[in-house]
Amino acid sequence: MKEFAGKIAVITGGGTGMGRELARQLVAEGCNVAMCDVSAEAMAETRQLCEAEKLPQGLRITTHIADVAIEDQLKRFRDELIEQQATDKIHLLFNNAGIGGGGSLFTNAREQWERTFNICWGGVYLGVRTFMPLLLKADEGHIINTSSVNGFWASVGPGVSHTAYAAAKFAVKGFSEALMTDLRLNAPHIKCSVVMPGHIGTSIVANSRKIQSGSESERLTDVEIGVTRERLKGMGTDTSAMSDEDIQQLALDRARSFHDDAPTTAAAAAKIILDGVKAGSWRILVGDDAHKLDERVRKTPEEAYTLDFYQSYRDEVGWKLA
């Protein structure tokens, strides 16, 4: 797919981050966009940003409330798309939505663990299932599934559990790679790519906590403060002299820093992804940190979860993963 003009793209998680930037850049190239998110306000802002530039006549941008972990909501999104976009086909499917949390089988609630897994993995699987009939009707199609560097390296550092997100992202990577053969045999006009970003400047840290807690407040609960203390201890930080307010401020600072101080912006990530689609790349690494980590894991897989591996990688890229 060398150009996006006149095509129709579905983007999950279009309210913020890479989803928002994918929408903006696709619209700028004349692509119709249907996005979903759990936040109507965030999607409205994305749409306003898309419409800030003069749009080609007849271009459609539609927004749809949907939790990608719930199949009925994705089916409603699909049906709304068919009505509002006045079509029964799509050309591009970006399974982009994701959250963090639920890192430990021992210290996190099962509900939190499964919430992360069901969005990060289930959203991709259900997205493909739900929109495949519309892709099949197009003359060409492309599925773009967002995994992570945690899809080939299941860690954010030696002192922090990270099982739910990493398990989901490994599943996305394996599913996408296997799907390429399935498509080649049964729907050869549809391609598939797996995206593996490193540290991208998005609001995933702040958004994940809000989705997991069900609250829009930036204030941590007492339970969350306790969990954050343990996480900091695992990272080697002495929290014994820190007040709850200190922990609260550290959490806010981390969310801000993850967004503002990332080595790759969401806009740059979206461009890399779209360029990869145009180039027909099935494997799209995003960010220098992702390329370096991929090279290291492949070179010394037996050492990938040792303290020395983490410390040397951290020193090389200047990035503290957790």
C-alpha atoms as a PDB file:
ATOM      1  CA  MET A   1       0.000   0.000   0.000  1.00  0.00           C
ATOM      2  CA  LYS A   2       2.026   2.920  -1.315  1.00  0.00           C
ATOM      3  CA  GLU A   3      -0.461   5.670  -0.524  1.00  0.00           C
ATOM      4  CA  PHE A   4      -3.342   6.270   1.873  1.00  0.00           C
ATOM      5  CA  ALA A   5      -5.398   8.843  -0.022  1.00  0.00           C
ATOM      6  CA  GLY A   6      -8.991   7.702  -0.415  1.00  0.00           C
ATOM      7  CA  LYS A   7      -8.483   4.728   1.911  1.00  0.00           C
ATOM      8  CA  ILE A   8     -10.403   4.033   5.143  1.00  0.00           C
ATOM      9  CA  ALA A   9      -8.476   3.378   8.360  1.00  0.00           C
ATOM     10  CA  VAL A  10      -9.639   2.049  11.709  1.00  0.00           C
ATOM     11  CA  ILE A  11      -7.578   3.131  14.730  1.00  0.00           C
ATOM     12  CA  THR A  12      -8.129   1.843  18.255  1.00  0.00           C
ATOM     13  CA  GLY A  13      -6.937   4.065  21.081  1.00  0.00           C
ATOM     14  CA  GLY A  14      -7.248   7.144  18.877  1.00  0.00           C
ATOM     15  CA  GLY A  15      -7.758   9.596  21.721  1.00  0.00           C
ATOM     16  CA  THR A  16      -4.126  10.115  22.696  1.00  0.00           C
ATOM     17  CA  GLY A  17      -0.532   9.161  21.944  1.00  0.00           C
ATOM     18  CA  MET A  18       0.383   7.185  18.842  1.00  0.00           C
ATOM     19  CA  GLY A  19      -3.272   6.628  17.963  1.00  0.00           C
ATOM     20  CA  ARG A  20      -3.878  10.369  17.818  1.00  0.00           C
ATOM     21  CA  GLU A  21      -0.769  10.963  15.713  1.00  0.00           C
ATOM     22  CA  LEU A  22      -1.636   8.128  13.345  1.00  0.00           C
ATOM     23  CA  ALA A  23      -5.037   9.734  12.817  1.00  0.00           C
ATOM     24  CA  ARG A  24      -3.528  13.179  12.184  1.00  0.00           C
ATOM     25  CA  GLN A  25      -0.970  11.936   9.686  1.00  0.00           C
ATOM     26  CA  LEU A  26      -3.401   9.674   7.854  1.00  0.00           C
ATOM     27  CA  VAL A  27      -5.951  12.466   7.505  1.00  0.00           C
ATOM     28  CA  ALA A  28      -3.207  14.778   6.230  1.00  0.00           C
ATOM     29  CA  GLU A  29      -2.643  12.251   3.429  1.00  0.00           C
ATOM     30  CA  GLY A  30      -6.333  12.163   2.547  1.00  0.00           C
ATOM     31  CA  CYS A  31      -7.281   8.980   4.391  1.00  0.00           C
ATOM     32  CA  ASN A  32     -10.694   8.576   6.011  1.00  0.00           C
ATOM     33  CA  VAL A  33     -10.404   7.656   9.699  1.00  0.00           C
ATOM     34  CA  ALA A  34     -12.707   5.882  12.139  1.00  0.00           C
ATOM     35  CA  MET A  35     -11.248   5.827  15.643  1.00  0.00           C
ATOM     36  CA  CYS A  36     -12.357   4.398  18.957  1.00  0.00           C
ATOM     37  CA  ASP A  37     -11.370   5.122  22.527  1.00  0.00           C
ATOM     38  CA  VAL A  38     -12.930   5.001  25.991  1.00  0.00           C
ATOM     39  CA  SER A  39     -12.715   8.815  26.244  1.00  0.00           C
ATOM     40  CA  ALA A  40     -15.065  10.902  24.119  1.00  0.00           C
ATOM     41  CA  GLU A  41     -13.247  14.052  25.218  1.00  0.00           C
ATOM     42  CA  ALA A  42      -9.857  12.775  24.077  1.00  0.00           C
ATOM     43  CA  MET A  43     -11.238  11.723  20.699  1.00  0.00           C
ATOM     44  CA  ALA A  44     -12.927  15.100  20.263  1.00  0.00           C
ATOM     45  CA  GLU A  45      -9.539  16.743  20.751  1.00  0.00           C
ATOM     46  CA  THR A  46      -7.948  14.392  18.231  1.00  0.00           C
ATOM     47  CA  ARG A  47     -10.664  15.205  15.737  1.00  0.00           C
ATOM     48  CA  GLN A  48     -10.193  18.945  16.253  1.00  0.00           C
ATOM     49  CA  LEU A  49      -6.474  18.549  15.616  1.00  0.00           C
ATOM     50  CA  CYS A  50      -7.192  16.594  12.449  1.00  0.00           C
ATOM     51  CA  GLU A  51      -9.612  19.249  11.256  1.00  0.00           C
ATOM     52  CA  ALA A  52      -7.246  22.124  12.011  1.00  0.00           C
ATOM     53  CA  GLU A  53      -5.824  21.680   8.522  1.00  0.00           C
ATOM     54  CA  LYS A  54      -8.070  22.066   5.509  1.00  0.00           C
ATOM     55  CA  LEU A  55      -9.444  18.610   4.759  1.00  0.00           C
ATOM     56  CA  PRO A  56     -10.075  17.238   1.275  1.00  0.00           C
ATOM     57  CA  GLN A  57     -13.719  17.497   0.301  1.00  0.00           C
ATOM     58  CA  GLY A  58     -15.742  14.514   1.478  1.00  0.00           C
ATOM     59  CA  LEU A  59     -13.107  13.180   3.888  1.00  0.00           C
ATOM     60  CA  ARG A  60     -14.704  11.497   6.893  1.00  0.00           C
ATOM     61  CA  ILE A  61     -13.412  11.412  10.474  1.00  0.00           C
ATOM     62  CA  THR A  62     -15.663   9.519  12.875  1.00  0.00           C
ATOM     63  CA  THR A  63     -15.276   8.828  16.587  1.00  0.00           C
ATOM     64  CA  HIS A  64     -16.709   5.866  18.486  1.00  0.00           C
ATOM     65  CA  ILE A  65     -16.751   4.913  22.165  1.00  0.00           C
ATOM     66  CA  ALA A  66     -15.478   1.354  22.609  1.00  0.00           C
ATOM     67  CA  ASP A  67     -13.529  -0.699  25.118  1.00  0.00           C
ATOM     68  CA  VAL A  68     -11.457  -2.997  22.898  1.00  0.00           C
ATOM     69  CA  ALA A  69     -11.539  -5.763  25.502  1.00  0.00           C
ATOM     70  CA  ILE A  70     -15.313  -6.101  25.050  1.00  0.00           C
ATOM     71  CA  GLU A  71     -16.357  -7.745  21.778  1.00  0.00           C
ATOM     72  CA  ASP A  72     -19.874  -6.339  21.724  1.00  0.00           C
ATOM     73  CA  GLN A  73     -18.491  -2.796  21.945  1.00  0.00           C
ATOM     74  CA  LEU A  74     -16.131  -3.441  19.039  1.00  0.00           C
ATOM     75  CA  LYS A  75     -19.007  -4.857  17.016  1.00  0.00           C
ATOM     76  CA  ARG A  76     -21.027  -1.718  17.759  1.00  0.00           C
ATOM     77  CA  PHE A  77     -18.032   0.350  16.612  1.00  0.00           C
ATOM     78  CA  ARG A  78     -17.918  -1.650  13.377  1.00  0.00           C
ATOM     79  CA  ASP A  79     -21.633  -1.199  12.747  1.00  0.00           C
ATOM     80  CA  GLU A  80     -21.436   2.554  13.458  1.00  0.00           C
ATOM     81  CA  LEU A  81     -18.497   2.808  11.070  1.00  0.00           C
ATOM     82  CA  ILE A  82     -20.464   1.121   8.283  1.00  0.00           C
ATOM     83  CA  GLU A  83     -23.301   3.606   8.788  1.00  0.00           C
ATOM     84  CA  GLN A  84     -21.292   6.793   9.350  1.00  0.00           C
ATOM     85  CA  GLN A  85     -18.538   6.140   6.834  1.00  0.00           C
ATOM     86  CA  ALA A  86     -21.129   4.843   4.343  1.00  0.00           C
ATOM     87  CA  THR A  87     -19.065   1.794   3.455  1.00  0.00           C
ATOM     88  CA  ASP A  88     -18.789  -1.912   4.130  1.00  0.00           C
ATOM     89  CA  LYS A  89     -15.003  -2.092   3.715  1.00  0.00           C
ATOM     90  CA  ILE A  90     -11.820  -0.761   5.271  1.00  0.00           C
ATOM     91  CA  HIS A  91      -8.212  -0.793   4.079  1.00  0.00           C
ATOM     92  CA  LEU A  92      -6.174  -0.257   7.251  1.00  0.00           C
ATOM     93  CA  LEU A  93      -6.641  -1.639  10.756  1.00  0.00           C
ATOM     94  CA  PHE A  94      -4.407  -0.194  13.481  1.00  0.00           C
ATOM     95  CA  ASN A  95      -4.825  -2.261  16.656  1.00  0.00           C
ATOM     96  CA  ASN A  96      -3.087   0.347  18.780  1.00  0.00           C
ATOM     97  CA  ALA A  97      -4.962   0.591  22.111  1.00  0.00           C
ATOM     98  CA  GLY A  98      -3.094  -0.506  25.223  1.00  0.00           C
ATOM     99  CA  ILE A  99      -2.553   0.094  28.923  1.00  0.00           C
ATOM    100  CA  GLY A 100      -0.049  -0.943  31.585  1.00  0.00           C
ATOM    101  CA  GLY A 101      -0.511  -2.294  35.101  1.00  0.00           C
ATOM    102  CA  GLY A 102      -1.027  -5.669  36.704  1.00  0.00           C
ATOM    103  CA  GLY A 103       2.665  -6.430  36.675  1.00  0.00           C
ATOM    104  CA  SER A 104       2.710  -9.146  39.320  1.00  0.00           C
ATOM    105  CA  LEU A 105       0.794 -12.367  39.826  1.00  0.00           C
ATOM    106  CA  PHE A 106       1.506 -11.990  43.546  1.00  0.00           C
ATOM    107  CA  THR A 107       1.094  -8.334  44.503  1.00  0.00           C
ATOM    108  CA  ASN A 108      -1.494  -7.129  41.983  1.00  0.00           C
ATOM    109  CA  ALA A 109      -5.161  -8.062  41.941  1.00  0.00           C
ATOM    110  CA  ARG A 110      -6.203 -10.641  39.366  1.00  0.00           C
ATOM    111  CA  GLU A 111      -8.727  -8.135  37.996  1.00  0.00           C
ATOM    112  CA  GLN A 112      -5.973  -5.606  37.311  1.00  0.00           C
ATOM    113  CA  TRP A 113      -3.741  -8.223  35.685  1.00  0.00           C
ATOM    114  CA  GLU A 114      -6.506  -9.435  33.402  1.00  0.00           C
ATOM    115  CA  ARG A 115      -7.621  -5.898  32.570  1.00  0.00           C
ATOM    116  CA  THR A 116      -4.171  -5.169  31.141  1.00  0.00           C
ATOM    117  CA  PHE A 117      -3.941  -8.508  29.323  1.00  0.00           C
ATOM    118  CA  ASN A 118      -7.461  -8.320  27.910  1.00  0.00           C
ATOM    119  CA  ILE A 119      -6.899  -4.839  26.460  1.00  0.00           C
ATOM    120  CA  CYS A 120      -3.352  -5.312  25.160  1.00  0.00           C
ATOM    121  CA  TRP A 121      -3.870  -8.798  23.743  1.00  0.00           C
ATOM    122  CA  GLY A 122      -7.638  -9.250  23.587  1.00  0.00           C
ATOM    123  CA  GLY A 123      -8.099  -5.900  21.867  1.00  0.00           C
ATOM    124  CA  VAL A 124      -5.797  -6.990  19.050  1.00  0.00           C
ATOM    125  CA  TYR A 125      -7.388 -10.422  18.645  1.00  0.00           C
ATOM    126  CA  LEU A 126     -10.948  -9.115  18.805  1.00  0.00           C
ATOM    127  CA  GLY A 127     -10.047  -6.197  16.541  1.00  0.00           C
ATOM    128  CA  VAL A 128      -8.865  -8.580  13.831  1.00  0.00           C
ATOM    129  CA  ARG A 129     -11.889 -10.844  14.287  1.00  0.00           C
ATOM    130  CA  THR A 130     -14.337  -7.937  14.202  1.00  0.00           C
ATOM    131  CA  PHE A 131     -12.975  -6.025  11.223  1.00  0.00           C
ATOM    132  CA  MET A 132     -11.743  -8.890   9.045  1.00  0.00           C
ATOM    133  CA  PRO A 133     -15.008  -9.047   7.040  1.00  0.00           C
ATOM    134  CA  LEU A 134     -14.530  -5.380   6.093  1.00  0.00           C
ATOM    135  CA  LEU A 135     -10.882  -5.920   5.161  1.00  0.00           C
ATOM    136  CA  LEU A 136     -11.840  -8.884   2.986  1.00  0.00           C
ATOM    137  CA  LYS A 137     -14.121  -6.660   0.902  1.00  0.00           C
ATOM    138  CA  ALA A 138     -11.381  -4.145   0.104  1.00  0.00           C
ATOM    139  CA  ASP A 139      -9.100  -4.452  -2.917  1.00  0.00           C
ATOM    140  CA  GLU A 140      -6.083  -4.273  -0.580  1.00  0.00           C
ATOM    141  CA  GLY A 141      -5.700  -4.234   3.176  1.00  0.00           C
ATOM    142  CA  HIS A 142      -3.132  -3.999   5.938  1.00  0.00           C
ATOM    143  CA  ILE A 143      -3.369  -4.974   9.618  1.00  0.00           C
ATOM    144  CA  ILE A 144      -0.967  -3.173  11.947  1.00  0.00           C
ATOM    145  CA  ASN A 145      -0.741  -4.658  15.449  1.00  0.00           C
ATOM    146  CA  THR A 146       1.097  -2.749  18.176  1.00  0.00           C
ATOM    147  CA  SER A 147       3.308  -4.950  20.320  1.00  0.00           C
ATOM    148  CA  SER A 148       6.312  -3.488  22.175  1.00  0.00           C
ATOM    149  CA  VAL A 149       9.959  -4.096  22.935  1.00  0.00           C
ATOM    150  CA  ASN A 150       8.340  -6.010  25.793  1.00  0.00           C
ATOM    151  CA  GLY A 151       7.144  -8.390  23.082  1.00  0.00           C
ATOM    152  CA  PHE A 152      10.696  -9.699  22.767  1.00  0.00           C
ATOM    153  CA  TRP A 153      12.134  -8.694  26.164  1.00  0.00           C
ATOM    154  CA  ALA A 154       9.751  -9.286  29.068  1.00  0.00           C
ATOM    155  CA  SER A 155      11.202  -6.802  31.529  1.00  0.00           C
ATOM    156  CA  VAL A 156      11.323  -3.193  32.657  1.00  0.00           C
ATOM    157  CA  GLY A 157      14.252  -3.884  34.953  1.00  0.00           C
ATOM    158  CA  PRO A 158      15.347  -6.568  37.397  1.00  0.00           C
ATOM    159  CA  GLY A 159      13.498  -5.216  40.424  1.00  0.00           C
ATOM    160  CA  VAL A 160       9.985  -4.804  39.007  1.00  0.00           C
ATOM    161  CA  SER A 161       7.418  -7.446  37.998  1.00  0.00           C
ATOM    162  CA  HIS A 162       5.993  -6.911  34.527  1.00  0.00           C
ATOM    163  CA  THR A 163       4.050 -10.055  33.650  1.00  0.00           C
ATOM    164  CA  ALA A 164       0.660  -8.887  32.313  1.00  0.00           C
ATOM    165  CA  TYR A 165       1.880  -6.339  29.770  1.00  0.00           C
ATOM    166  CA  ALA A 166       4.831  -8.438  28.607  1.00  0.00           C
ATOM    167  CA  ALA A 167       2.701 -11.576  28.233  1.00  0.00           C
ATOM    168  CA  ALA A 168       0.160  -9.630  26.171  1.00  0.00           C
ATOM    169  CA  LYS A 169       2.796  -8.072  23.934  1.00  0.00           C
ATOM    170  CA  PHE A 170       4.492 -11.435  23.322  1.00  0.00           C
ATOM    171  CA  ALA A 171       1.054 -12.766  22.323  1.00  0.00           C
ATOM    172  CA  VAL A 172       0.543  -9.877  19.897  1.00  0.00           C
ATOM    173  CA  LYS A 173       3.940 -10.497  18.301  1.00  0.00           C
ATOM    174  CA  GLY A 174       3.376 -14.241  17.912  1.00  0.00           C
ATOM    175  CA  PHE A 175      -0.164 -13.794  16.615  1.00  0.00           C
ATOM    176  CA  SER A 176       0.939 -11.220  14.053  1.00  0.00           C
ATOM    177  CA  GLU A 177       3.791 -13.363  12.756  1.00  0.00           C
ATOM    178  CA  ALA A 178       1.543 -16.427  12.461  1.00  0.00           C
ATOM    179  CA  LEU A 179      -1.205 -14.334  10.859  1.00  0.00           C
ATOM    180  CA  MET A 180       1.063 -13.502   7.928  1.00  0.00           C
ATOM    181  CA  THR A 181       0.946 -17.107   6.722  1.00  0.00           C
ATOM    182  CA  ASP A 182      -2.789 -17.397   7.413  1.00  0.00           C
ATOM    183  CA  LEU A 183      -3.407 -14.292   5.317  1.00  0.00           C
ATOM    184  CA  ARG A 184      -1.094 -15.424   2.526  1.00  0.00           C
ATOM    185  CA  LEU A 185      -3.067 -18.662   2.233  1.00  0.00           C
ATOM    186  CA  ASN A 186      -6.580 -17.302   2.684  1.00  0.00           C
ATOM    187  CA  ALA A 187      -6.581 -13.555   2.017  1.00  0.00           C
ATOM    188  CA  PRO A 188      -3.427 -12.675   0.053  1.00  0.00           C
ATOM    189  CA  HIS A 189      -4.537  -9.095  -0.589  1.00  0.00           C
ATOM    190  CA  ILE A 190      -4.227  -8.356   3.157  1.00  0.00           C
ATOM    191  CA  LYS A 191      -0.809  -7.793   4.746  1.00  0.00           C
ATOM    192  CA  CYS A 192       0.147  -7.723   8.421  1.00  0.00           C
ATOM    193  CA  SER A 193       2.794  -5.822  10.375  1.00  0.00           C
ATOM    194  CA  VAL A 194       3.797  -5.977  14.021  1.00  0.00           C
ATOM    195  CA  VAL A 195       4.996  -2.730  15.608  1.00  0.00           C
ATOM    196  CA  MET A 196       7.489  -2.845  18.473  1.00  0.00           C
ATOM    197  CA  PRO A 197       8.043   0.608  19.972  1.00  0.00           C
ATOM    198  CA  GLY A 198      10.621   1.482  22.591  1.00  0.00           C
ATOM    199  CA  HIS A 199       9.989   4.414  24.919  1.00  0.00           C
ATOM    200  CA  ILE A 200       7.531   6.690  23.115  1.00  0.00           C
ATOM    201  CA  GLY A 201       6.284   9.972  24.569  1.00  0.00           C
ATOM    202  CA  THR A 202       2.667   9.096  25.307  1.00  0.00           C
ATOM    203  CA  SER A 203       0.258   9.366  28.240  1.00  0.00           C
ATOM    204  CA  ILE A 204       0.112   5.592  28.786  1.00  0.00           C
ATOM    205  CA  VAL A 205       1.380   5.854  32.387  1.00  0.00           C
ATOM    206  CA  ALA A 206      -1.292   8.348  33.426  1.00  0.00           C
ATOM    207  CA  ASN A 207      -4.038   6.785  31.305  1.00  0.00           C
ATOM    208  CA  SER A 208      -3.317   3.265  32.552  1.00  0.00           C
ATOM    209  CA  ARG A 209      -3.775   4.258  36.177  1.00  0.00           C
ATOM    210  CA  LYS A 210      -7.054   6.012  35.395  1.00  0.00           C
ATOM    211  CA  ILE A 211      -8.420   3.022  33.478  1.00  0.00           C
ATOM    212  CA  GLN A 212      -7.282   0.530  36.111  1.00  0.00           C
ATOM    213  CA  SER A 213      -8.730   2.600  38.973  1.00  0.00           C
ATOM    214  CA  GLY A 214     -11.854   3.761  37.156  1.00  0.00           C
ATOM    215  CA  SER A 215     -11.158   7.302  38.358  1.00  0.00           C
ATOM    216  CA  GLU A 216     -10.153  10.446  36.498  1.00  0.00           C
ATOM    217  CA  SER A 217      -8.387  11.796  39.596  1.00  0.00           C
ATOM    218  CA  GLU A 218      -4.619  12.157  39.447  1.00  0.00           C
ATOM    219  CA  ARG A 219      -4.421  11.429  43.178  1.00  0.00           C
ATOM    220  CA  LEU A 220      -3.239   7.967  44.149  1.00  0.00           C
ATOM    221  CA  THR A 221      -5.353   5.937  46.535  1.00  0.00           C
ATOM    222  CA  ASP A 222      -3.819   4.548  49.726  1.00  0.00           C
ATOM    223  CA  VAL A 223      -3.486   1.149  48.045  1.00  0.00           C
ATOM    224  CA  GLU A 224      -1.791   2.689  45.006  1.00  0.00           C
ATOM    225  CA  ILE A 225       0.635   4.566  47.233  1.00  0.00           C
ATOM    226  CA  GLY A 226       1.576   1.294  48.905  1.00  0.00           C
ATOM    227  CA  VAL A 227       2.090  -0.428  45.549  1.00  0.00           C
ATOM    228  CA  THR A 228       4.189   2.486  44.319  1.00  0.00           C
ATOM    229  CA  ARG A 229       6.383   2.274  47.434  1.00  0.00           C
ATOM    230  CA  GLU A 230       7.060  -1.393  46.723  1.00  0.00           C
ATOM    231  CA  ARG A 231       7.805  -0.663  43.074  1.00  0.00           C
ATOM    232  CA  LEU A 232      10.300   2.023  44.064  1.00  0.00           C
ATOM    233  CA  LYS A 233      11.957  -0.364  46.505  1.00  0.00           C
ATOM    234  CA  GLY A 234      12.308  -2.888  43.705  1.00  0.00           C
ATOM    235  CA  MET A 235      14.061  -0.219  41.675  1.00  0.00           C
ATOM    236  CA  GLY A 236      16.534   0.363  44.504  1.00  0.00           C
ATOM    237  CA  THR A 237      14.973   3.508  45.975  1.00  0.00           C
ATOM    238  CA  ASP A 238      14.839   3.866  49.768  1.00  0.00           C
ATOM    239  CA  THR A 239      11.303   5.076  50.540  1.00  0.00           C
ATOM    240  CA  SER A 240      11.480   4.861  54.335  1.00  0.00           C
ATOM    241  CA  ALA A 241      11.830   8.616  54.748  1.00  0.00           C
ATOM    242  CA  MET A 242       9.249   9.483  52.085  1.00  0.00           C
ATOM    243  CA  SER A 243       5.802  10.698  53.066  1.00  0.00           C
ATOM    244  CA  ASP A 244       2.690   9.641  51.167  1.00  0.00           C
ATOM    245  CA  GLU A 245       2.707  13.081  49.555  1.00  0.00           C
ATOM    246  CA  ASP A 246       6.270  12.494  48.377  1.00  0.00           C
ATOM    247  CA  ILE A 247       5.146   9.246  46.751  1.00  0.00           C
ATOM    248  CA  GLN A 248       2.211  11.047  45.171  1.00  0.00           C
ATOM    249  CA  GLN A 249       4.501  13.667  43.659  1.00  0.00           C
ATOM    250  CA  LEU A 250       6.931  11.043  42.375  1.00  0.00           C
ATOM    251  CA  ALA A 251       4.063   9.284  40.586  1.00  0.00           C
ATOM    252  CA  LEU A 252       2.975  12.528  38.928  1.00  0.00           C
ATOM    253  CA  ASP A 253       6.548  13.315  37.952  1.00  0.00           C
ATOM    254  CA  ARG A 254       7.008   9.841  36.440  1.00  0.00           C
ATOM    255  CA  ALA A 255       3.898  10.190  34.284  1.00  0.00           C
ATOM    256  CA  ARG A 256       5.027  13.626  33.126  1.00  0.00           C
ATOM    257  CA  SER A 257       8.582  12.479  32.458  1.00  0.00           C
ATOM    258  CA  PHE A 258       7.440   9.413  30.517  1.00  0.00           C
ATOM    259  CA  HIS A 259       5.537  11.735  28.178  1.00  0.00           C
ATOM    260  CA  ASP A 260       7.864  14.732  28.004  1.00  0.00           C
ATOM    261  CA  ASP A 261      11.334  13.190  28.209  1.00  0.00           C
ATOM    262  CA  ALA A 262      10.930  10.209  25.887  1.00  0.00           C
ATOM    263  CA  PRO A 263      13.592   9.747  23.196  1.00  0.00           C
ATOM    264  CA  THR A 264      10.891   9.365  20.514  1.00  0.00           C
ATOM    265  CA  THR A 265       7.748  11.479  20.219  1.00  0.00           C
ATOM    266  CA  ALA A 266       4.369   9.995  19.366  1.00  0.00           C
ATOM    267  CA  ALA A 267       4.391  11.972  16.104  1.00  0.00           C
ATOM    268  CA  ALA A 268       7.785  10.553  15.109  1.00  0.00           C
ATOM    269  CA  ALA A 269       6.590   7.051  16.037  1.00  0.00           C
ATOM    270  CA  ALA A 270       3.487   7.398  13.861  1.00  0.00           C
ATOM    271  CA  LYS A 271       5.596   8.462  10.882  1.00  0.00           C
ATOM    272  CA  ILE A 272       7.895   5.454  11.315  1.00  0.00           C
ATOM    273  CA  ILE A 273       4.858   3.153  11.442  1.00  0.00           C
ATOM    274  CA  LEU A 274       3.219   4.635   8.341  1.00  0.00           C
ATOM    275  CA  ASP A 275       6.504   4.598   6.437  1.00  0.00           C
ATOM    276  CA  GLY A 276       6.858   0.934   7.406  1.00  0.00           C
ATOM    277  CA  VAL A 277       3.410   0.158   6.038  1.00  0.00           C
ATOM    278  CA  LYS A 278       4.230   1.873   2.749  1.00  0.00           C
ATOM    279  CA  ALA A 279       7.499  -0.071   2.555  1.00  0.00           C
ATOM    280  CA  GLY A 280       5.682  -3.358   3.180  1.00  0.00           C
ATOM    281  CA  SER A 281       7.697  -4.084   6.336  1.00  0.00           C
ATOM    282  CA  TRP A 282       6.205  -6.818   8.484  1.00  0.00           C
ATOM    283  CA  ARG A 283       8.404  -5.949  11.474  1.00  0.00           C
ATOM    284  CA  ILE A 284       8.513  -2.291  12.492  1.00  0.00           C
ATOM    285  CA  LEU A 285      10.858  -1.303  15.306  1.00  0.00           C
ATOM    286  CA  VAL A 286      10.230   2.215  16.599  1.00  0.00           C
ATOM    287  CA  GLY A 287      13.041   4.213  18.175  1.00  0.00           C
ATOM    288  CA  ASP A 288      16.804   3.801  18.414  1.00  0.00           C
ATOM    289  CA  ASP A 289      16.334   2.247  21.843  1.00  0.00           C
ATOM    290  CA  ALA A 290      14.139  -0.480  20.319  1.00  0.00           C
ATOM    291  CA  HIS A 291      16.737  -1.260  17.656  1.00  0.00           C
ATOM    292  CA  LYS A 292      19.552  -1.440  20.203  1.00  0.00           C
ATOM    293  CA  LEU A 293      17.586  -3.617  22.613  1.00  0.00           C
ATOM    294  CA  ASP A 294      16.523  -5.958  19.811  1.00  0.00           C
ATOM    295  CA  GLU A 295      20.152  -6.355  18.750  1.00  0.00           C
ATOM    296  CA  ARG A 296      21.301  -7.052  22.309  1.00  0.00           C
ATOM    297  CA  VAL A 297      18.598  -9.637  23.057  1.00  0.00           C
ATOM    298  CA  ARG A 298      19.301 -11.484  19.809  1.00  0.00           C
ATOM    299  CA  LYS A 299      23.043 -11.440  20.423  1.00  0.00           C
ATOM    300  CA  THR A 300      22.995 -12.740  24.021  1.00  0.00           C
ATOM    301  CA  PRO A 301      19.554 -14.217  24.776  1.00  0.00           C
ATOM    302  CA  GLU A 302      20.804 -16.244  27.750  1.00  0.00           C
ATOM    303  CA  GLU A 303      21.928 -13.038  29.472  1.00  0.00           C
ATOM    304  CA  ALA A 304      18.814 -10.989  28.679  1.00  0.00           C
ATOM    305  CA  TYR A 305      17.400 -11.107  32.198  1.00  0.00           C
ATOM    306  CA  THR A 306      20.599 -10.595  34.170  1.00  0.00           C
ATOM    307  CA  LEU A 307      21.427  -7.472  36.129  1.00  0.00           C
ATOM    308  CA  ASP A 308      24.523  -6.884  33.997  1.00  0.00           C
ATOM    309  CA  PHE A 309      22.447  -6.930  30.801  1.00  0.00           C
ATOM    310  CA  TYR A 310      20.028  -4.331  32.155  1.00  0.00           C
ATOM    311  CA  GLN A 311      22.728  -2.060  33.546  1.00  0.00           C
ATOM    312  CA  SER A 312      24.834  -2.103  30.386  1.00  0.00           C
ATOM    313  CA  TYR A 313      21.793  -1.415  28.215  1.00  0.00           C
ATOM    314  CA  ARG A 314      20.676   1.399  30.510  1.00  0.00           C
ATOM    315  CA  ASP A 315      24.136   2.938  30.331  1.00  0.00           C
ATOM    316  CA  GLU A 316      24.203   2.687  26.538  1.00  0.00           C
ATOM    317  CA  VAL A 317      20.869   4.343  25.818  1.00  0.00           C
ATOM    318  CA  GLY A 318      20.616   6.567  28.893  1.00  0.00           C
ATOM    319  CA  TRP A 319      17.115   5.262  29.557  1.00  0.00           C
ATOM    320  CA  LYS A 320      15.843   3.897  32.827  1.00  0.00           C
ATOM    321  CA  LEU A 321      13.126   1.455  31.838  1.00  0.00           C
ATOM    322  CA  ALA A 322      11.214   1.460  35.105  1.00  0.00           C
END
